[in-house]
N, C-alpha and C. Protein backbone atom coordinates (compact mmCIF):
# COMPACT_ATOMS: atom_id res chain seq x y z
N MET A 1 0.84 -1.17 0.00
CA MET A 1 0.00 0.00 0.00
C MET A 1 0.90 1.25 0.00
N THR A 2 0.55 2.20 -0.80
CA THR A 2 1.30 3.44 -0.87
C THR A 2 0.48 4.56 -0.24
N VAL A 3 1.07 5.25 0.71
CA VAL A 3 0.41 6.40 1.34
C VAL A 3 0.77 7.67 0.59
N LEU A 4 2.03 7.82 0.26
CA LEU A 4 2.50 9.03 -0.40
C LEU A 4 2.78 8.77 -1.88
N ASP A 5 2.34 9.70 -2.72
CA ASP A 5 2.68 9.68 -4.13
C ASP A 5 2.65 11.12 -4.63
N SER A 6 2.79 11.30 -5.91
CA SER A 6 2.89 12.65 -6.46
C SER A 6 1.60 13.46 -6.39
N GLU A 7 0.50 12.84 -5.99
CA GLU A 7 -0.78 13.55 -5.95
C GLU A 7 -1.15 14.07 -4.56
N VAL A 8 -0.35 13.79 -3.55
CA VAL A 8 -0.68 14.22 -2.19
C VAL A 8 0.41 15.10 -1.59
N GLY A 9 0.00 15.87 -0.59
CA GLY A 9 0.95 16.68 0.15
C GLY A 9 1.10 16.14 1.56
N PHE A 10 2.26 16.34 2.14
CA PHE A 10 2.51 15.85 3.49
C PHE A 10 3.26 16.90 4.27
N HIS A 11 3.24 16.75 5.60
CA HIS A 11 4.00 17.62 6.49
C HIS A 11 4.62 16.75 7.56
N VAL A 12 5.83 17.08 7.97
CA VAL A 12 6.56 16.30 8.98
C VAL A 12 6.72 17.12 10.24
N LEU A 13 6.40 16.50 11.38
CA LEU A 13 6.64 17.09 12.70
C LEU A 13 7.78 16.31 13.33
N SER A 14 8.94 16.95 13.42
CA SER A 14 10.12 16.27 13.95
C SER A 14 11.20 17.32 14.18
N ASN A 15 12.15 16.98 15.04
CA ASN A 15 13.31 17.85 15.23
C ASN A 15 14.17 17.91 13.97
N ASP A 16 14.02 16.89 13.12
CA ASP A 16 14.80 16.78 11.89
C ASP A 16 13.86 16.81 10.69
N ASP A 17 12.87 17.71 10.73
CA ASP A 17 11.81 17.68 9.72
C ASP A 17 12.29 17.97 8.30
N ASP A 18 13.27 18.86 8.12
CA ASP A 18 13.72 19.19 6.77
C ASP A 18 14.35 17.98 6.08
N GLU A 19 15.24 17.30 6.78
CA GLU A 19 15.91 16.14 6.17
C GLU A 19 14.91 15.01 5.92
N THR A 20 14.01 14.78 6.87
CA THR A 20 13.00 13.74 6.71
C THR A 20 12.08 14.06 5.54
N ALA A 21 11.62 15.31 5.45
CA ALA A 21 10.74 15.72 4.35
C ALA A 21 11.42 15.56 3.00
N THR A 22 12.70 15.92 2.94
CA THR A 22 13.45 15.78 1.69
C THR A 22 13.53 14.31 1.28
N SER A 23 13.77 13.42 2.24
CA SER A 23 13.83 11.98 1.95
C SER A 23 12.48 11.47 1.48
N PHE A 24 11.41 11.85 2.17
CA PHE A 24 10.07 11.41 1.77
C PHE A 24 9.78 11.84 0.33
N SER A 25 10.07 13.09 0.02
CA SER A 25 9.81 13.61 -1.33
C SER A 25 10.64 12.89 -2.38
N ARG A 26 11.90 12.64 -2.06
CA ARG A 26 12.80 11.97 -2.99
C ARG A 26 12.30 10.56 -3.31
N TYR A 27 11.85 9.82 -2.31
CA TYR A 27 11.43 8.43 -2.51
C TYR A 27 10.02 8.28 -3.07
N THR A 28 9.15 9.27 -2.83
CA THR A 28 7.74 9.10 -3.18
C THR A 28 7.22 10.10 -4.21
N LEU A 29 7.95 11.18 -4.44
CA LEU A 29 7.55 12.29 -5.29
C LEU A 29 6.38 13.09 -4.71
N ALA A 30 6.04 12.83 -3.46
CA ALA A 30 4.99 13.61 -2.78
C ALA A 30 5.55 14.99 -2.45
N ARG A 31 4.65 15.97 -2.30
CA ARG A 31 5.05 17.35 -2.04
C ARG A 31 5.03 17.64 -0.54
N HIS A 32 6.10 18.25 -0.04
CA HIS A 32 6.12 18.73 1.34
C HIS A 32 5.41 20.07 1.34
N VAL A 33 4.31 20.19 2.10
CA VAL A 33 3.46 21.39 2.07
C VAL A 33 3.28 21.94 3.48
N ALA A 34 2.67 23.11 3.56
CA ALA A 34 2.35 23.70 4.86
C ALA A 34 1.38 22.78 5.60
N LEU A 35 1.45 22.82 6.90
CA LEU A 35 0.63 21.97 7.76
C LEU A 35 -0.84 22.01 7.38
N GLU A 36 -1.37 23.20 7.14
CA GLU A 36 -2.78 23.38 6.86
C GLU A 36 -3.22 22.76 5.53
N GLU A 37 -2.28 22.49 4.65
CA GLU A 37 -2.58 21.93 3.33
C GLU A 37 -2.32 20.43 3.25
N ALA A 38 -1.71 19.86 4.27
CA ALA A 38 -1.23 18.47 4.21
C ALA A 38 -2.37 17.45 4.22
N ASP A 39 -2.23 16.45 3.35
CA ASP A 39 -3.13 15.30 3.36
C ASP A 39 -2.70 14.31 4.43
N PHE A 40 -1.39 14.24 4.66
CA PHE A 40 -0.82 13.35 5.67
C PHE A 40 0.15 14.14 6.53
N ILE A 41 0.02 13.98 7.84
CA ILE A 41 0.90 14.65 8.79
C ILE A 41 1.64 13.57 9.57
N PHE A 42 2.96 13.58 9.47
CA PHE A 42 3.78 12.59 10.16
C PHE A 42 4.31 13.19 11.45
N ALA A 43 3.82 12.71 12.59
CA ALA A 43 4.30 13.14 13.90
C ALA A 43 5.30 12.09 14.39
N LEU A 44 6.57 12.36 14.15
CA LEU A 44 7.60 11.39 14.52
C LEU A 44 7.80 11.36 16.03
N ALA A 45 8.47 10.33 16.52
CA ALA A 45 8.60 10.09 17.96
C ALA A 45 9.22 11.26 18.71
N ASP A 46 10.07 12.04 18.03
CA ASP A 46 10.73 13.15 18.73
C ASP A 46 9.90 14.45 18.71
N SER A 47 8.73 14.42 18.12
CA SER A 47 7.90 15.63 18.10
C SER A 47 7.24 15.83 19.46
N ALA A 48 7.25 17.07 19.92
CA ALA A 48 6.67 17.40 21.23
C ALA A 48 5.16 17.31 21.18
N GLU A 49 4.57 16.99 22.31
CA GLU A 49 3.11 16.88 22.39
C GLU A 49 2.44 18.18 21.96
N GLU A 50 2.98 19.32 22.37
CA GLU A 50 2.40 20.61 22.00
C GLU A 50 2.39 20.80 20.48
N THR A 51 3.43 20.33 19.82
CA THR A 51 3.51 20.41 18.36
C THR A 51 2.42 19.55 17.72
N VAL A 52 2.21 18.36 18.27
CA VAL A 52 1.16 17.47 17.75
C VAL A 52 -0.21 18.08 17.98
N LEU A 53 -0.42 18.68 19.14
CA LEU A 53 -1.70 19.33 19.43
C LEU A 53 -1.96 20.49 18.46
N ASP A 54 -0.93 21.29 18.19
CA ASP A 54 -1.08 22.39 17.23
C ASP A 54 -1.42 21.84 15.85
N ALA A 55 -0.80 20.73 15.48
CA ALA A 55 -1.08 20.12 14.18
C ALA A 55 -2.52 19.60 14.11
N MET A 56 -3.00 19.01 15.19
CA MET A 56 -4.39 18.53 15.21
C MET A 56 -5.36 19.69 15.00
N ALA A 57 -5.06 20.82 15.63
CA ALA A 57 -5.93 21.99 15.51
C ALA A 57 -5.90 22.59 14.11
N ALA A 58 -4.76 22.54 13.46
CA ALA A 58 -4.60 23.18 12.15
C ALA A 58 -4.91 22.26 10.97
N ALA A 59 -4.96 20.97 11.21
CA ALA A 59 -5.12 20.00 10.12
C ALA A 59 -6.48 20.15 9.42
N LYS A 60 -6.49 19.77 8.15
CA LYS A 60 -7.73 19.79 7.37
C LYS A 60 -8.70 18.77 7.95
N LYS A 61 -9.98 19.18 8.13
CA LYS A 61 -11.00 18.27 8.64
C LYS A 61 -11.97 17.81 7.57
N GLY A 62 -11.82 18.31 6.36
CA GLY A 62 -12.77 18.01 5.31
C GLY A 62 -14.02 18.87 5.48
N THR A 63 -15.00 18.64 4.64
CA THR A 63 -16.27 19.36 4.73
C THR A 63 -17.40 18.35 4.78
N LEU A 64 -18.58 18.81 5.11
CA LEU A 64 -19.74 17.91 5.14
C LEU A 64 -19.99 17.30 3.77
N LEU A 65 -19.75 18.07 2.70
CA LEU A 65 -19.95 17.56 1.35
C LEU A 65 -18.77 16.75 0.84
N ASP A 66 -17.59 16.98 1.40
CA ASP A 66 -16.38 16.31 0.93
C ASP A 66 -15.46 15.94 2.11
N PRO A 67 -15.91 15.03 2.98
CA PRO A 67 -15.13 14.71 4.17
C PRO A 67 -13.80 14.02 3.88
N ASN A 68 -13.67 13.45 2.67
CA ASN A 68 -12.43 12.75 2.33
C ASN A 68 -11.27 13.70 2.06
N THR A 69 -11.49 15.00 2.13
CA THR A 69 -10.39 15.96 1.97
C THR A 69 -9.70 16.26 3.30
N SER A 70 -10.02 15.50 4.32
CA SER A 70 -9.39 15.69 5.63
C SER A 70 -7.98 15.11 5.65
N ALA A 71 -7.25 15.48 6.69
CA ALA A 71 -5.89 14.97 6.86
C ALA A 71 -5.91 13.67 7.68
N THR A 72 -4.89 12.88 7.48
CA THR A 72 -4.63 11.71 8.31
C THR A 72 -3.32 11.98 9.05
N ILE A 73 -3.34 11.77 10.36
CA ILE A 73 -2.14 11.97 11.17
C ILE A 73 -1.52 10.62 11.46
N LEU A 74 -0.25 10.48 11.11
CA LEU A 74 0.51 9.27 11.42
C LEU A 74 1.37 9.58 12.63
N LEU A 75 1.09 8.91 13.73
CA LEU A 75 1.74 9.17 15.01
C LEU A 75 2.70 8.04 15.33
N GLU A 76 3.97 8.37 15.44
CA GLU A 76 4.98 7.36 15.77
C GLU A 76 5.03 7.18 17.28
N SER A 77 4.86 5.94 17.71
CA SER A 77 4.85 5.61 19.14
C SER A 77 5.97 4.62 19.40
N GLY A 78 6.55 4.65 20.59
CA GLY A 78 7.62 3.72 20.92
C GLY A 78 7.18 2.27 20.88
N SER A 79 6.01 2.00 21.46
CA SER A 79 5.51 0.63 21.49
C SER A 79 4.03 0.63 21.82
N PHE A 80 3.38 -0.50 21.56
CA PHE A 80 2.03 -0.76 22.05
C PHE A 80 2.22 -1.71 23.21
N THR A 81 1.99 -1.24 24.41
CA THR A 81 2.34 -2.04 25.58
C THR A 81 1.22 -2.10 26.58
N GLU A 82 1.49 -2.78 27.63
CA GLU A 82 0.59 -2.83 28.77
C GLU A 82 0.95 -1.76 29.80
N ASP A 83 2.07 -1.07 29.58
CA ASP A 83 2.53 -0.04 30.51
C ASP A 83 1.89 1.31 30.19
N GLY A 84 1.84 2.17 31.19
CA GLY A 84 1.37 3.53 30.97
C GLY A 84 -0.13 3.64 30.87
N GLN A 85 -0.59 4.79 30.35
CA GLN A 85 -2.01 5.07 30.20
C GLN A 85 -2.66 4.06 29.25
N LYS A 86 -3.72 3.45 29.72
CA LYS A 86 -4.46 2.51 28.89
C LYS A 86 -5.64 3.23 28.24
N TRP A 87 -5.92 2.85 27.00
CA TRP A 87 -7.02 3.44 26.24
C TRP A 87 -7.95 2.34 25.77
N GLN A 88 -9.24 2.58 25.90
CA GLN A 88 -10.25 1.64 25.43
C GLN A 88 -10.85 2.17 24.13
N PHE A 89 -10.93 1.31 23.14
CA PHE A 89 -11.44 1.66 21.83
C PHE A 89 -12.78 0.97 21.60
N THR A 90 -13.76 1.71 21.13
CA THR A 90 -15.06 1.16 20.75
C THR A 90 -15.49 1.83 19.45
N GLY A 91 -16.34 1.15 18.72
CA GLY A 91 -16.86 1.73 17.49
C GLY A 91 -16.96 0.70 16.39
N PRO A 92 -17.32 1.14 15.19
CA PRO A 92 -17.47 0.23 14.06
C PRO A 92 -16.22 -0.60 13.81
N GLY A 93 -16.42 -1.90 13.62
CA GLY A 93 -15.30 -2.80 13.34
C GLY A 93 -14.61 -3.37 14.57
N ILE A 94 -15.03 -2.92 15.77
CA ILE A 94 -14.43 -3.42 17.01
C ILE A 94 -15.50 -4.21 17.76
N LYS A 95 -15.26 -5.48 17.96
CA LYS A 95 -16.21 -6.32 18.68
C LYS A 95 -16.14 -5.95 20.16
N LYS A 96 -17.21 -5.40 20.68
CA LYS A 96 -17.32 -4.87 22.04
C LYS A 96 -16.31 -3.75 22.27
N SER A 97 -15.08 -4.08 22.67
CA SER A 97 -14.05 -3.06 22.87
C SER A 97 -12.68 -3.74 22.90
N THR A 98 -11.65 -2.90 22.78
CA THR A 98 -10.28 -3.39 22.92
C THR A 98 -9.49 -2.33 23.69
N THR A 99 -8.46 -2.77 24.40
CA THR A 99 -7.67 -1.86 25.23
C THR A 99 -6.19 -1.95 24.84
N LEU A 100 -5.54 -0.78 24.81
CA LEU A 100 -4.14 -0.72 24.41
C LEU A 100 -3.50 0.53 24.98
N SER A 101 -2.20 0.49 25.21
CA SER A 101 -1.43 1.66 25.63
C SER A 101 -0.53 2.08 24.48
N PHE A 102 -0.42 3.39 24.27
CA PHE A 102 0.49 3.93 23.26
C PHE A 102 0.70 5.41 23.55
N ARG A 103 1.57 6.04 22.78
CA ARG A 103 1.89 7.46 22.97
C ARG A 103 0.65 8.31 22.67
N PHE A 104 -0.08 8.66 23.70
CA PHE A 104 -1.31 9.43 23.57
C PHE A 104 -1.63 9.96 24.96
N SER A 105 -2.11 11.19 25.04
CA SER A 105 -2.43 11.77 26.34
C SER A 105 -3.89 12.17 26.38
N ASN A 106 -4.38 12.49 27.57
CA ASN A 106 -5.76 12.97 27.70
C ASN A 106 -5.96 14.24 26.88
N THR A 107 -4.96 15.10 26.85
CA THR A 107 -5.05 16.34 26.08
C THR A 107 -5.15 16.04 24.58
N MET A 108 -4.35 15.09 24.11
CA MET A 108 -4.41 14.71 22.69
C MET A 108 -5.76 14.08 22.37
N ASN A 109 -6.29 13.27 23.28
CA ASN A 109 -7.59 12.65 23.06
C ASN A 109 -8.69 13.72 22.99
N SER A 110 -8.63 14.71 23.87
CA SER A 110 -9.60 15.80 23.85
C SER A 110 -9.53 16.58 22.53
N ALA A 111 -8.32 16.84 22.06
CA ALA A 111 -8.14 17.56 20.80
C ALA A 111 -8.71 16.75 19.64
N ARG A 112 -8.47 15.45 19.65
CA ARG A 112 -9.00 14.57 18.60
C ARG A 112 -10.53 14.59 18.62
N LYS A 113 -11.10 14.48 19.82
CA LYS A 113 -12.57 14.50 19.94
C LYS A 113 -13.14 15.81 19.42
N GLN A 114 -12.47 16.92 19.72
CA GLN A 114 -12.93 18.24 19.26
C GLN A 114 -12.92 18.31 17.73
N GLN A 115 -11.89 17.76 17.11
CA GLN A 115 -11.79 17.80 15.65
C GLN A 115 -12.80 16.87 14.99
N ASN A 116 -13.27 15.87 15.70
CA ASN A 116 -14.18 14.88 15.14
C ASN A 116 -15.63 15.08 15.56
N ILE A 117 -15.93 16.25 16.10
CA ILE A 117 -17.25 16.49 16.69
C ILE A 117 -18.38 16.52 15.65
N GLU A 118 -18.08 16.92 14.42
CA GLU A 118 -19.11 17.05 13.40
C GLU A 118 -18.90 16.01 12.30
N TYR A 119 -19.31 14.78 12.62
CA TYR A 119 -19.18 13.68 11.66
C TYR A 119 -19.99 14.02 10.41
N PRO A 120 -19.48 13.79 9.23
CA PRO A 120 -18.37 12.94 8.84
C PRO A 120 -17.02 13.65 8.75
N THR A 121 -16.95 14.94 9.13
CA THR A 121 -15.65 15.61 9.09
C THR A 121 -14.80 15.13 10.26
N GLY A 122 -13.50 15.34 10.18
CA GLY A 122 -12.63 14.96 11.28
C GLY A 122 -11.29 14.43 10.82
N LEU A 123 -10.55 13.92 11.78
CA LEU A 123 -9.20 13.40 11.55
C LEU A 123 -9.15 11.90 11.79
N ASP A 124 -8.40 11.22 10.96
CA ASP A 124 -8.10 9.81 11.18
C ASP A 124 -6.67 9.71 11.67
N LEU A 125 -6.40 8.72 12.51
CA LEU A 125 -5.05 8.49 13.03
C LEU A 125 -4.53 7.14 12.57
N ILE A 126 -3.25 7.10 12.28
CA ILE A 126 -2.54 5.83 12.09
C ILE A 126 -1.38 5.89 13.07
N VAL A 127 -1.32 4.93 13.97
CA VAL A 127 -0.26 4.89 14.98
C VAL A 127 0.68 3.75 14.62
N THR A 128 1.97 4.05 14.57
CA THR A 128 2.98 3.03 14.29
C THR A 128 3.85 2.84 15.52
N ASN A 129 4.46 1.66 15.64
CA ASN A 129 5.37 1.46 16.76
C ASN A 129 6.74 1.05 16.26
N ALA A 130 7.67 0.93 17.18
CA ALA A 130 9.07 0.67 16.85
C ALA A 130 9.28 -0.68 16.18
N SER A 131 8.38 -1.63 16.38
CA SER A 131 8.55 -2.95 15.77
C SER A 131 7.83 -3.07 14.43
N GLY A 132 7.31 -1.95 13.90
CA GLY A 132 6.70 -1.96 12.58
C GLY A 132 5.22 -2.28 12.54
N LYS A 133 4.60 -2.42 13.69
CA LYS A 133 3.16 -2.66 13.72
C LYS A 133 2.43 -1.33 13.60
N LEU A 134 1.20 -1.39 13.12
CA LEU A 134 0.43 -0.16 13.06
C LEU A 134 -1.00 -0.40 13.48
N MET A 135 -1.63 0.70 13.87
CA MET A 135 -3.02 0.66 14.32
C MET A 135 -3.72 1.84 13.66
N CYS A 136 -4.80 1.57 12.94
CA CYS A 136 -5.57 2.63 12.31
C CYS A 136 -6.76 2.97 13.20
N ILE A 137 -6.94 4.26 13.45
CA ILE A 137 -8.03 4.73 14.31
C ILE A 137 -8.87 5.72 13.49
N PRO A 138 -9.94 5.22 12.88
CA PRO A 138 -10.78 6.12 12.11
C PRO A 138 -11.52 7.11 13.00
N ARG A 139 -12.01 8.17 12.42
CA ARG A 139 -12.70 9.22 13.18
C ARG A 139 -13.95 8.70 13.89
N THR A 140 -14.48 7.56 13.46
CA THR A 140 -15.68 6.99 14.09
C THR A 140 -15.38 6.20 15.36
N THR A 141 -14.11 5.95 15.64
CA THR A 141 -13.72 5.19 16.82
C THR A 141 -13.69 6.09 18.05
N GLU A 142 -14.33 5.62 19.12
CA GLU A 142 -14.30 6.33 20.40
C GLU A 142 -13.09 5.84 21.18
N ILE A 143 -12.35 6.78 21.78
CA ILE A 143 -11.20 6.43 22.62
C ILE A 143 -11.47 7.01 24.01
N ASN A 144 -11.39 6.14 25.01
CA ASN A 144 -11.59 6.59 26.40
C ASN A 144 -10.50 6.02 27.27
N GLY A 145 -10.04 6.82 28.22
CA GLY A 145 -9.02 6.39 29.17
C GLY A 145 -9.57 5.33 30.10
N VAL A 146 -8.71 4.40 30.47
CA VAL A 146 -9.06 3.33 31.41
C VAL A 146 -8.27 3.56 32.68
N LYS A 147 -8.94 3.50 33.80
CA LYS A 147 -8.25 3.72 35.09
C LYS A 147 -7.69 2.46 35.64
């Protein structure tokens, strides 16, 4: 599956964003664009939470007539573990619920909920971990903290 190609724009959130963006463009022919124009936003592991929150607020949400023009945020996480804050996922495609821990905070969850308040507009997330696994979280999925 190809995420980036010459027809989409992307933005990188990282301490080394220029070099990473140049590599992405070289390998995929995708355009590095301003955050507000990006179809895909890559929040690498070294990006600060505040930077990710700003990106969530500025990202394209699509429109009621054309929700597919929204951005997808790819969030790099160290691991999917049993340690740390646990999150419960419910929604279409999830039988009852599932629980997982990953790089995500209550503040990030609140920001995501705010961006997804007017369905079908909103943001989709793809979370990757250090071992190459990924988890797709569509805007229809509810995420709640587990105590």
